[in-house]
Amino acid sequence: MSAVTAELLERIAVKRRFSSQTLEIAKRLFLYRDAPRALSAEYGVNLARVYAIRETVSQAAKEERLPSGWEEVTLIAPKELIDVFRQQIAEAQAQLERDSGTLRPRAGEPKQDGGLPRPGPRKGKV
């Protein structure tokens, strides 16, 4: 599970318009690390619903860490093409920093050698 703070969870709950019960389940999952099965029984909700809450919060937390205008994708292509793409991303990020002071994304920060780290959980495919 992602590191989710109380502050981040509150922001996600407002943006996603969580019900009070959904927010309480999310708090118990992420802040108190309660077991999904126990929460399902305690709140009288389907276990799949508890897992759906966990996935929704995890995905939203991941998105919150990306700067505005950034997206995460999965790229499937020949290694040589991916290497070219990584170089283009590194150059574009450097240009953004020079032009506007925009920083690189906090999650997935490029390595010092200009390459990108292996991606974490994936949002979509390209």
Foldseek 3Di string as FASTA:
>chain_A
DDQADPVNLVVLCVVVVPDPLLSVLQCCCRVVVDDLVVSCVVVVHDSVVSVVSVVSSVVSSVVVQFDPPDDFEAEDDPPVVVVVVLQVVLVVQVVCCVPPVDHHGPPQDQDPVSGTDDDDDHDYYD
